[in-house]
């Protein structure tokens, strides 16, 4: 599959795919006889994994390290790869807690505005009733 097809399927730009390859997030893509990238199904699956991890907030550095270890593929890299994922998960859980706290604060502020708006509307209704009589 050529880069344009891969980009469309993955909903990424061709520049992003080239960038991911250049920085080591994906292993070098096989080239055809004309030097054009030819993505295999396993390349697409790997990029979907990287895309998912990036969307979840994993850092590029962590993913580069993970990818390098994955490409090395030896059994002795298994615990290192797991460690990267565990550390990133812990970081995301902390971020999730921060987001939940922010949402609570926003809910409080929204509720405060709702109370103020309700009070203002009540005043207007009262003024209209008083001025109508």
N, C-alpha and C. Protein backbone atom coordinates (compact mmCIF):
# COMPACT_ATOMS: atom_id res chain seq x y z
N UNK A 1 0.85 -1.16 0.00
CA UNK A 1 0.00 0.00 0.00
C UNK A 1 0.91 1.24 0.00
N UNK A 2 0.60 2.17 -0.87
CA UNK A 2 1.39 3.39 -0.97
C UNK A 2 1.05 4.35 0.18
N UNK A 3 1.90 5.34 0.37
CA UNK A 3 1.76 6.22 1.53
C UNK A 3 0.44 6.98 1.53
N UNK A 4 -0.03 7.41 0.36
CA UNK A 4 -1.29 8.15 0.31
C UNK A 4 -2.45 7.26 0.77
N UNK A 5 -2.45 6.00 0.35
CA UNK A 5 -3.50 5.07 0.76
C UNK A 5 -3.42 4.80 2.26
N UNK A 6 -2.20 4.60 2.74
CA UNK A 6 -2.01 4.35 4.17
C UNK A 6 -2.47 5.55 4.99
N UNK A 7 -2.10 6.75 4.54
CA UNK A 7 -2.49 7.96 5.26
C UNK A 7 -4.00 8.08 5.32
N UNK A 8 -4.66 7.82 4.21
CA UNK A 8 -6.12 7.91 4.18
C UNK A 8 -6.75 6.87 5.11
N UNK A 9 -6.26 5.65 5.05
CA UNK A 9 -6.81 4.58 5.90
C UNK A 9 -6.62 4.89 7.37
N UNK A 10 -5.47 5.48 7.72
CA UNK A 10 -5.13 5.75 9.11
C UNK A 10 -5.63 7.12 9.59
N UNK A 11 -6.16 7.91 8.67
CA UNK A 11 -6.59 9.28 8.98
C UNK A 11 -5.44 10.10 9.54
N UNK A 12 -4.30 9.98 8.87
CA UNK A 12 -3.10 10.75 9.19
C UNK A 12 -2.61 11.39 7.90
N UNK A 13 -1.80 12.40 8.02
CA UNK A 13 -1.21 12.99 6.82
C UNK A 13 0.01 12.18 6.40
N UNK A 14 0.37 12.31 5.14
CA UNK A 14 1.59 11.65 4.66
C UNK A 14 2.81 12.22 5.39
N UNK A 15 2.75 13.50 5.71
CA UNK A 15 3.87 14.13 6.45
C UNK A 15 4.01 13.49 7.83
N UNK A 16 2.89 13.20 8.48
CA UNK A 16 2.94 12.56 9.80
C UNK A 16 3.55 11.17 9.69
N UNK A 17 3.16 10.41 8.68
CA UNK A 17 3.73 9.08 8.50
C UNK A 17 5.24 9.15 8.27
N UNK A 18 5.67 10.08 7.44
CA UNK A 18 7.11 10.24 7.22
C UNK A 18 7.81 10.65 8.50
N UNK A 19 7.20 11.58 9.25
CA UNK A 19 7.76 12.04 10.51
C UNK A 19 7.90 10.89 11.50
N UNK A 20 6.84 10.09 11.65
CA UNK A 20 6.90 8.94 12.56
C UNK A 20 8.03 8.00 12.17
N UNK A 21 8.23 7.80 10.89
CA UNK A 21 9.32 6.93 10.44
C UNK A 21 10.67 7.57 10.72
N UNK A 22 10.79 8.87 10.44
CA UNK A 22 12.07 9.58 10.64
C UNK A 22 12.51 9.60 12.09
N UNK A 23 11.56 9.69 13.02
CA UNK A 23 11.95 9.79 14.43
C UNK A 23 11.96 8.42 15.12
N UNK A 24 11.62 7.38 14.38
CA UNK A 24 11.72 6.04 14.95
C UNK A 24 10.49 5.52 15.65
N UNK A 25 9.33 6.16 15.45
CA UNK A 25 8.11 5.62 16.04
C UNK A 25 7.62 4.40 15.27
N UNK A 26 7.97 4.35 14.01
CA UNK A 26 7.69 3.16 13.21
C UNK A 26 8.99 2.74 12.53
N UNK A 27 9.12 1.45 12.36
CA UNK A 27 10.35 0.96 11.73
C UNK A 27 10.37 1.42 10.27
N UNK A 28 11.54 1.43 9.67
CA UNK A 28 11.62 1.86 8.26
C UNK A 28 10.67 1.02 7.39
N UNK A 29 9.91 1.72 6.57
CA UNK A 29 8.94 1.07 5.70
C UNK A 29 9.67 0.52 4.46
N UNK A 30 9.29 -0.70 4.10
CA UNK A 30 9.86 -1.32 2.91
C UNK A 30 9.60 -0.43 1.71
N UNK A 31 10.55 -0.40 0.79
CA UNK A 31 10.43 0.40 -0.44
C UNK A 31 10.32 -0.54 -1.63
N UNK A 32 9.56 -0.11 -2.63
CA UNK A 32 9.49 -0.91 -3.85
C UNK A 32 10.72 -0.63 -4.72
N UNK A 33 10.74 -1.21 -5.91
CA UNK A 33 11.91 -1.08 -6.78
C UNK A 33 12.18 0.36 -7.21
N UNK A 34 11.18 1.23 -7.09
CA UNK A 34 11.35 2.65 -7.43
C UNK A 34 11.65 3.51 -6.21
N UNK A 35 11.79 2.87 -5.06
CA UNK A 35 12.10 3.61 -3.83
C UNK A 35 10.88 4.20 -3.14
N UNK A 36 9.69 3.81 -3.58
CA UNK A 36 8.44 4.32 -3.00
C UNK A 36 8.04 3.43 -1.83
N UNK A 37 7.63 4.08 -0.73
CA UNK A 37 7.21 3.32 0.45
C UNK A 37 6.06 2.39 0.09
N UNK A 38 6.13 1.17 0.64
CA UNK A 38 5.10 0.16 0.40
C UNK A 38 4.70 -0.43 1.75
N UNK A 39 3.60 0.07 2.30
CA UNK A 39 3.15 -0.31 3.63
C UNK A 39 2.51 -1.69 3.61
N UNK A 40 2.96 -2.55 4.51
CA UNK A 40 2.36 -3.88 4.68
C UNK A 40 1.28 -3.78 5.75
N UNK A 41 0.45 -4.79 5.84
CA UNK A 41 -0.62 -4.81 6.84
C UNK A 41 -0.05 -4.69 8.26
N UNK A 42 1.09 -5.34 8.53
CA UNK A 42 1.67 -5.23 9.88
C UNK A 42 2.16 -3.81 10.16
N UNK A 43 2.59 -3.08 9.13
CA UNK A 43 2.97 -1.67 9.31
C UNK A 43 1.74 -0.86 9.72
N UNK A 44 0.63 -1.10 9.03
CA UNK A 44 -0.62 -0.39 9.33
C UNK A 44 -1.06 -0.67 10.77
N UNK A 45 -1.00 -1.93 11.17
CA UNK A 45 -1.39 -2.29 12.53
C UNK A 45 -0.49 -1.61 13.56
N UNK A 46 0.80 -1.55 13.28
CA UNK A 46 1.73 -0.89 14.21
C UNK A 46 1.41 0.60 14.30
N UNK A 47 1.15 1.23 13.17
CA UNK A 47 0.85 2.66 13.17
C UNK A 47 -0.46 2.91 13.90
N UNK A 48 -1.43 2.03 13.77
CA UNK A 48 -2.68 2.16 14.54
C UNK A 48 -2.39 2.11 16.03
N UNK A 49 -1.48 1.22 16.45
CA UNK A 49 -1.09 1.15 17.85
C UNK A 49 -0.44 2.47 18.29
N UNK A 50 0.50 2.96 17.49
CA UNK A 50 1.19 4.22 17.82
C UNK A 50 0.18 5.36 17.88
N UNK A 51 -0.71 5.43 16.92
CA UNK A 51 -1.73 6.47 16.88
C UNK A 51 -2.60 6.41 18.14
N UNK A 52 -3.02 5.22 18.51
CA UNK A 52 -3.82 5.04 19.72
C UNK A 52 -3.07 5.51 20.96
N UNK A 53 -1.82 5.13 21.07
CA UNK A 53 -1.01 5.52 22.22
C UNK A 53 -0.77 7.03 22.25
N UNK A 54 -0.55 7.64 21.10
CA UNK A 54 -0.36 9.09 21.04
C UNK A 54 -1.65 9.80 21.43
N UNK A 55 -2.79 9.31 20.92
CA UNK A 55 -4.08 9.91 21.26
C UNK A 55 -4.37 9.80 22.75
N UNK A 56 -3.85 8.75 23.37
CA UNK A 56 -4.04 8.56 24.81
C UNK A 56 -3.09 9.43 25.62
N UNK A 57 -2.12 10.03 24.96
CA UNK A 57 -1.22 10.94 25.66
C UNK A 57 0.17 10.41 25.95
N UNK A 58 0.51 9.24 25.42
CA UNK A 58 1.86 8.73 25.64
C UNK A 58 2.86 9.64 24.94
N UNK A 59 3.98 9.84 25.57
CA UNK A 59 4.98 10.75 25.01
C UNK A 59 5.69 10.11 23.83
N UNK A 60 6.17 10.95 22.95
CA UNK A 60 6.93 10.47 21.80
C UNK A 60 8.19 9.76 22.27
N UNK A 61 8.85 10.30 23.29
CA UNK A 61 10.08 9.67 23.79
C UNK A 61 9.82 8.25 24.28
N UNK A 62 8.73 8.08 25.04
CA UNK A 62 8.41 6.74 25.55
C UNK A 62 8.10 5.79 24.40
N UNK A 63 7.36 6.29 23.41
CA UNK A 63 7.02 5.44 22.27
C UNK A 63 8.24 5.11 21.40
N UNK A 64 9.15 6.06 21.29
CA UNK A 64 10.38 5.78 20.54
C UNK A 64 11.19 4.69 21.23
N UNK A 65 11.31 4.80 22.54
CA UNK A 65 12.04 3.79 23.31
C UNK A 65 11.35 2.43 23.19
N UNK A 66 10.03 2.44 23.33
CA UNK A 66 9.26 1.20 23.23
C UNK A 66 9.44 0.58 21.84
N UNK A 67 9.35 1.40 20.80
CA UNK A 67 9.50 0.92 19.42
C UNK A 67 10.88 0.32 19.21
N UNK A 68 11.92 0.99 19.69
CA UNK A 68 13.29 0.48 19.53
C UNK A 68 13.42 -0.89 20.20
N UNK A 69 12.86 -1.02 21.38
CA UNK A 69 12.91 -2.30 22.09
C UNK A 69 12.09 -3.36 21.35
N UNK A 70 10.95 -2.96 20.83
CA UNK A 70 10.10 -3.90 20.10
C UNK A 70 10.81 -4.40 18.84
N UNK A 71 11.46 -3.49 18.13
CA UNK A 71 12.18 -3.87 16.92
C UNK A 71 13.33 -4.81 17.26
N UNK A 72 14.00 -4.53 18.40
CA UNK A 72 15.07 -5.42 18.85
C UNK A 72 14.50 -6.82 19.07
N UNK A 73 13.30 -6.86 19.64
CA UNK A 73 12.53 -8.08 19.71
C UNK A 73 13.03 -9.22 20.57
N UNK A 74 14.04 -9.03 21.31
CA UNK A 74 14.59 -10.11 22.14
C UNK A 74 13.77 -10.27 23.41
N UNK A 75 13.82 -11.46 23.96
CA UNK A 75 13.09 -11.73 25.21
C UNK A 75 13.56 -10.82 26.34
N UNK A 76 14.83 -10.45 26.33
CA UNK A 76 15.33 -9.61 27.42
C UNK A 76 14.76 -8.19 27.39
N UNK A 77 14.04 -7.82 26.32
CA UNK A 77 13.42 -6.49 26.27
C UNK A 77 11.98 -6.49 26.78
N UNK A 78 11.44 -7.66 27.06
CA UNK A 78 10.04 -7.75 27.48
C UNK A 78 9.75 -6.94 28.74
N UNK A 79 10.58 -7.10 29.76
CA UNK A 79 10.32 -6.37 31.01
C UNK A 79 10.51 -4.87 30.82
N UNK A 80 11.44 -4.47 29.98
CA UNK A 80 11.64 -3.04 29.70
C UNK A 80 10.44 -2.46 28.98
N UNK A 81 9.93 -3.20 28.01
CA UNK A 81 8.74 -2.73 27.28
C UNK A 81 7.55 -2.63 28.22
N UNK A 82 7.37 -3.63 29.06
CA UNK A 82 6.26 -3.59 30.02
C UNK A 82 6.43 -2.40 30.96
N UNK A 83 7.64 -2.17 31.41
CA UNK A 83 7.91 -1.07 32.33
C UNK A 83 7.53 0.28 31.71
N UNK A 84 7.86 0.46 30.45
CA UNK A 84 7.50 1.71 29.77
C UNK A 84 5.99 1.89 29.79
N UNK A 85 5.26 0.84 29.44
CA UNK A 85 3.81 0.93 29.40
C UNK A 85 3.22 1.16 30.79
N UNK A 86 3.76 0.49 31.80
CA UNK A 86 3.28 0.68 33.17
C UNK A 86 3.52 2.12 33.62
N UNK A 87 4.71 2.65 33.37
CA UNK A 87 5.02 4.02 33.76
C UNK A 87 4.12 5.03 33.05
N UNK A 88 3.90 4.82 31.76
CA UNK A 88 3.03 5.72 31.01
C UNK A 88 1.59 5.63 31.50
N UNK A 89 1.16 4.42 31.85
CA UNK A 89 -0.19 4.25 32.38
C UNK A 89 -0.35 5.00 33.69
N UNK A 90 0.64 4.89 34.57
CA UNK A 90 0.60 5.60 35.85
C UNK A 90 0.53 7.12 35.63
N UNK A 91 1.30 7.60 34.66
CA UNK A 91 1.29 9.02 34.34
C UNK A 91 -0.09 9.44 33.83
N UNK A 92 -0.72 8.60 33.01
CA UNK A 92 -2.05 8.91 32.49
C UNK A 92 -3.12 8.87 33.58
N UNK A 93 -2.98 7.94 34.52
CA UNK A 93 -3.94 7.88 35.63
C UNK A 93 -3.86 9.17 36.44
N UNK A 94 -2.66 9.66 36.68
CA UNK A 94 -2.50 10.93 37.39
C UNK A 94 -3.13 12.08 36.60
N UNK A 95 -2.91 12.08 35.32
CA UNK A 95 -3.50 13.10 34.45
C UNK A 95 -5.02 13.01 34.49
N UNK A 96 -5.55 11.79 34.50
CA UNK A 96 -6.99 11.58 34.58
C UNK A 96 -7.54 12.18 35.87
N UNK A 97 -6.83 11.99 36.98
CA UNK A 97 -7.26 12.57 38.26
C UNK A 97 -7.30 14.09 38.17
N UNK A 98 -6.29 14.67 37.54
CA UNK A 98 -6.25 16.13 37.37
C UNK A 98 -7.41 16.61 36.52
N UNK A 99 -7.72 15.88 35.47
CA UNK A 99 -8.84 16.24 34.60
C UNK A 99 -10.15 16.13 35.36
N UNK A 100 -10.32 15.08 36.15
CA UNK A 100 -11.55 14.91 36.94
C UNK A 100 -11.72 16.07 37.92
N UNK A 101 -10.62 16.50 38.54
CA UNK A 101 -10.68 17.64 39.46
C UNK A 101 -11.06 18.91 38.72
N UNK A 102 -10.51 19.10 37.55
CA UNK A 102 -10.84 20.27 36.74
C UNK A 102 -12.31 20.25 36.35
N UNK A 103 -12.83 19.09 35.98
CA UNK A 103 -14.24 18.96 35.63
C UNK A 103 -15.12 19.31 36.83
N UNK A 104 -14.74 18.87 38.03
CA UNK A 104 -15.51 19.21 39.23
C UNK A 104 -15.54 20.72 39.45
N UNK A 105 -14.39 21.36 39.26
CA UNK A 105 -14.34 22.82 39.42
C UNK A 105 -15.21 23.52 38.39
N UNK A 106 -15.16 23.04 37.15
CA UNK A 106 -16.00 23.62 36.11
C UNK A 106 -17.48 23.42 36.43
N UNK A 107 -17.84 22.24 36.89
CA UNK A 107 -19.23 21.98 37.27
C UNK A 107 -19.68 22.95 38.35
N UNK A 108 -18.82 23.19 39.33
CA UNK A 108 -19.14 24.13 40.41
C UNK A 108 -19.36 25.54 39.84
N UNK A 109 -18.45 25.97 38.97
CA UNK A 109 -18.57 27.32 38.39
C UNK A 109 -19.84 27.43 37.54
N UNK A 110 -20.14 26.39 36.75
CA UNK A 110 -21.34 26.40 35.92
C UNK A 110 -22.58 26.49 36.79
N UNK A 111 -22.60 25.72 37.86
CA UNK A 111 -23.73 25.75 38.78
C UNK A 111 -23.87 27.14 39.42
N UNK A 112 -22.75 27.76 39.76
CA UNK A 112 -22.79 29.12 40.32
C UNK A 112 -23.43 30.09 39.34
N UNK A 113 -23.04 29.99 38.07
CA UNK A 113 -23.63 30.86 37.06
C UNK A 113 -25.12 30.58 36.89
N UNK A 114 -25.49 29.31 36.95
CA UNK A 114 -26.91 28.97 36.84
C UNK A 114 -27.71 29.60 37.98
N UNK A 115 -27.15 29.59 39.18
CA UNK A 115 -27.81 30.22 40.33
C UNK A 115 -27.95 31.72 40.13
N UNK A 116 -26.88 32.35 39.64
CA UNK A 116 -26.89 33.80 39.40
C UNK A 116 -27.91 34.15 38.32
N UNK A 117 -27.92 33.37 37.25
CA UNK A 117 -28.87 33.62 36.15
C UNK A 117 -30.30 33.44 36.64
N UNK A 118 -30.55 32.39 37.40
CA UNK A 118 -31.89 32.14 37.95
C UNK A 118 -32.32 33.31 38.84
N UNK A 119 -31.44 33.77 39.68
CA UNK A 119 -31.74 34.90 40.57
C UNK A 119 -32.04 36.15 39.75
N UNK A 120 -31.26 36.38 38.72
CA UNK A 120 -31.46 37.55 37.86
C UNK A 120 -32.81 37.46 37.16
N UNK A 121 -33.15 36.28 36.66
CA UNK A 121 -34.44 36.08 35.99
C UNK A 121 -35.60 36.32 36.96
N UNK A 122 -35.44 35.87 38.19
CA UNK A 122 -36.49 36.08 39.20
C UNK A 122 -36.69 37.58 39.45
N UNK A 123 -35.59 38.33 39.53
CA UNK A 123 -35.68 39.78 39.72
C UNK A 123 -36.43 40.43 38.56
N UNK A 124 -36.11 40.01 37.34
CA UNK A 124 -36.77 40.58 36.16
C UNK A 124 -38.27 40.30 36.19
N UNK A 125 -38.64 39.07 36.51
CA UNK A 125 -40.05 38.70 36.59
C UNK A 125 -40.74 39.55 37.64
N UNK A 126 -40.09 39.70 38.78
CA UNK A 126 -40.67 40.52 39.86
C UNK A 126 -40.84 41.97 39.41
N UNK A 127 -39.84 42.52 38.73
CA UNK A 127 -39.93 43.90 38.25
C UNK A 127 -41.04 44.06 37.22
N UNK A 128 -41.16 43.09 36.34
CA UNK A 128 -42.22 43.15 35.33
C UNK A 128 -43.60 43.12 35.97
N UNK A 129 -43.75 42.25 36.96
CA UNK A 129 -45.03 42.16 37.66
C UNK A 129 -45.34 43.46 38.41
N UNK A 130 -44.32 44.02 39.06
CA UNK A 130 -44.50 45.25 39.84
C UNK A 130 -44.82 46.42 38.92
N UNK A 131 -44.16 46.52 37.77
CA UNK A 131 -44.37 47.63 36.84
C UNK A 131 -45.68 47.48 36.07
N UNK A 132 -46.22 46.29 35.98
CA UNK A 132 -47.46 46.05 35.23
C UNK A 132 -48.67 46.48 36.03
N UNK A 133 -48.56 46.52 37.31
CA UNK A 133 -49.73 46.81 38.16
C UNK A 133 -49.98 48.27 38.25
